[in-house]
C-alpha atoms as a PDB file:
ATOM      1  CA  MET A   1       0.000   0.000   0.000  1.00  0.00           C
ATOM      2  CA  ARG A   2       1.352   3.418  -0.895  1.00  0.00           C
ATOM      3  CA  PHE A   3       0.640   6.699   0.802  1.00  0.00           C
ATOM      4  CA  PRO A   4       1.476   9.375  -1.783  1.00  0.00           C
ATOM      5  CA  GLU A   5       0.902  12.183   0.701  1.00  0.00           C
ATOM      6  CA  LEU A   6       3.896  11.128   2.838  1.00  0.00           C
ATOM      7  CA  ASP A   7       6.972  13.311   2.462  1.00  0.00           C
ATOM      8  CA  LEU A   8       9.617  10.592   2.692  1.00  0.00           C
ATOM      9  CA  ALA A   9      12.389  13.132   3.231  1.00  0.00           C
ATOM     10  CA  ARG A  10      10.623  14.059   6.485  1.00  0.00           C
ATOM     11  CA  THR A  11       9.639  10.509   7.455  1.00  0.00           C
ATOM     12  CA  THR A  12      11.245   8.195   9.992  1.00  0.00           C
ATOM     13  CA  LEU A  13      10.798   4.437   9.990  1.00  0.00           C
ATOM     14  CA  VAL A  14      11.202   3.154  13.557  1.00  0.00           C
ATOM     15  CA  VAL A  15      12.270  -0.492  13.889  1.00  0.00           C
ATOM     16  CA  ILE A  16      11.762  -1.871  17.402  1.00  0.00           C
ATOM     17  CA  ASP A  17      13.472  -4.882  19.032  1.00  0.00           C
ATOM     18  CA  LEU A  18      15.436  -6.167  16.052  1.00  0.00           C
ATOM     19  CA  ASP A  19      18.283  -7.298  18.294  1.00  0.00           C
ATOM     20  CA  VAL A  20      19.928 -10.512  19.484  1.00  0.00           C
ATOM     21  CA  GLY A  21      17.663 -10.959  22.491  1.00  0.00           C
ATOM     22  CA  SER A  22      14.479 -10.604  20.502  1.00  0.00           C
ATOM     23  CA  CYS A  23      15.474 -12.322  17.270  1.00  0.00           C
ATOM     24  CA  GLY A  24      18.286 -14.720  18.106  1.00  0.00           C
ATOM     25  CA  ARG A  25      16.019 -17.644  18.883  1.00  0.00           C
ATOM     26  CA  GLU A  26      14.500 -17.778  15.381  1.00  0.00           C
ATOM     27  CA  PRO A  27      17.342 -17.091  12.908  1.00  0.00           C
ATOM     28  CA  ARG A  28      15.329 -18.088   9.835  1.00  0.00           C
ATOM     29  CA  LEU A  29      12.490 -15.743  10.759  1.00  0.00           C
ATOM     30  CA  THR A  30      14.995 -13.021  11.625  1.00  0.00           C
ATOM     31  CA  ASP A  31      16.525 -13.284   8.149  1.00  0.00           C
ATOM     32  CA  VAL A  32      13.060 -12.904   6.604  1.00  0.00           C
ATOM     33  CA  ALA A  33      12.260  -9.943   8.862  1.00  0.00           C
ATOM     34  CA  ILE A  34      15.554  -8.205   8.053  1.00  0.00           C
ATOM     35  CA  GLY A  35      14.892  -8.615   4.346  1.00  0.00           C
ATOM     36  CA  ARG A  36      11.418  -7.122   4.673  1.00  0.00           C
ATOM     37  CA  ILE A  37      12.620  -4.269   6.858  1.00  0.00           C
ATOM     38  CA  ASN A  38      15.350  -3.460   4.347  1.00  0.00           C
ATOM     39  CA  ASP A  39      12.752  -3.456   1.559  1.00  0.00           C
ATOM     40  CA  ILE A  40      10.523  -1.077   3.524  1.00  0.00           C
ATOM     41  CA  ALA A  41      13.472   1.097   4.603  1.00  0.00           C
ATOM     42  CA  HIS A  42      14.623   1.671   1.040  1.00  0.00           C
ATOM     43  CA  ALA A  43      11.984   4.338   0.333  1.00  0.00           C
ATOM     44  CA  PRO A  44      12.753   6.727   3.208  1.00  0.00           C
ATOM     45  CA  ARG A  45      16.506   6.145   2.958  1.00  0.00           C
ATOM     46  CA  SER A  46      16.629   6.854  -0.772  1.00  0.00           C
ATOM     47  CA  SER A  47      14.525  10.014  -0.285  1.00  0.00           C
ATOM     48  CA  GLY A  48      16.589  11.481   2.554  1.00  0.00           C
ATOM     49  CA  GLY A  49      14.410  10.106   5.361  1.00  0.00           C
ATOM     50  CA  THR A  50      15.597   8.313   8.465  1.00  0.00           C
ATOM     51  CA  VAL A  51      15.534   4.734   9.700  1.00  0.00           C
ATOM     52  CA  SER A  52      15.909   4.438  13.480  1.00  0.00           C
ATOM     53  CA  PHE A  53      16.410   1.293  15.532  1.00  0.00           C
ATOM     54  CA  VAL A  54      15.199   0.926  19.128  1.00  0.00           C
ATOM     55  CA  THR A  55      16.898  -1.950  20.913  1.00  0.00           C
ATOM     56  CA  SER A  56      17.222  -3.276  24.432  1.00  0.00           C
ATOM     57  CA  GLU A  57      20.425  -3.880  26.351  1.00  0.00           C
ATOM     58  CA  THR A  58      19.700  -7.521  27.055  1.00  0.00           C
ATOM     59  CA  ASP A  59      20.544 -10.683  25.152  1.00  0.00           C
ATOM     60  CA  ASP A  60      17.704 -12.630  26.752  1.00  0.00           C
ATOM     61  CA  PRO A  61      14.100 -11.456  26.294  1.00  0.00           C
ATOM     62  CA  VAL A  62      13.176 -13.178  29.563  1.00  0.00           C
ATOM     63  CA  ASP A  63      15.194 -10.474  31.335  1.00  0.00           C
ATOM     64  CA  LEU A  64      12.783  -7.853  29.980  1.00  0.00           C
ATOM     65  CA  ALA A  65      10.034  -9.303  32.183  1.00  0.00           C
ATOM     66  CA  LEU A  66      12.012  -8.093  35.216  1.00  0.00           C
ATOM     67  CA  PHE A  67      11.521  -4.420  34.346  1.00  0.00           C
END
């Protein structure tokens, strides 16, 4: 789906939890997700937009339940 009214130069794609703790348990699915994210990220990147990654500081997602 395309949204022609978006100004991609002023758009940020925010990718959340694409890190070892969240993705390391399913490498095949992670590879698929990374490919799709890269496909989606191409539009803002090539138009001067931003792609930002939000990650946690843990390698084990079980640790996140402690917060």
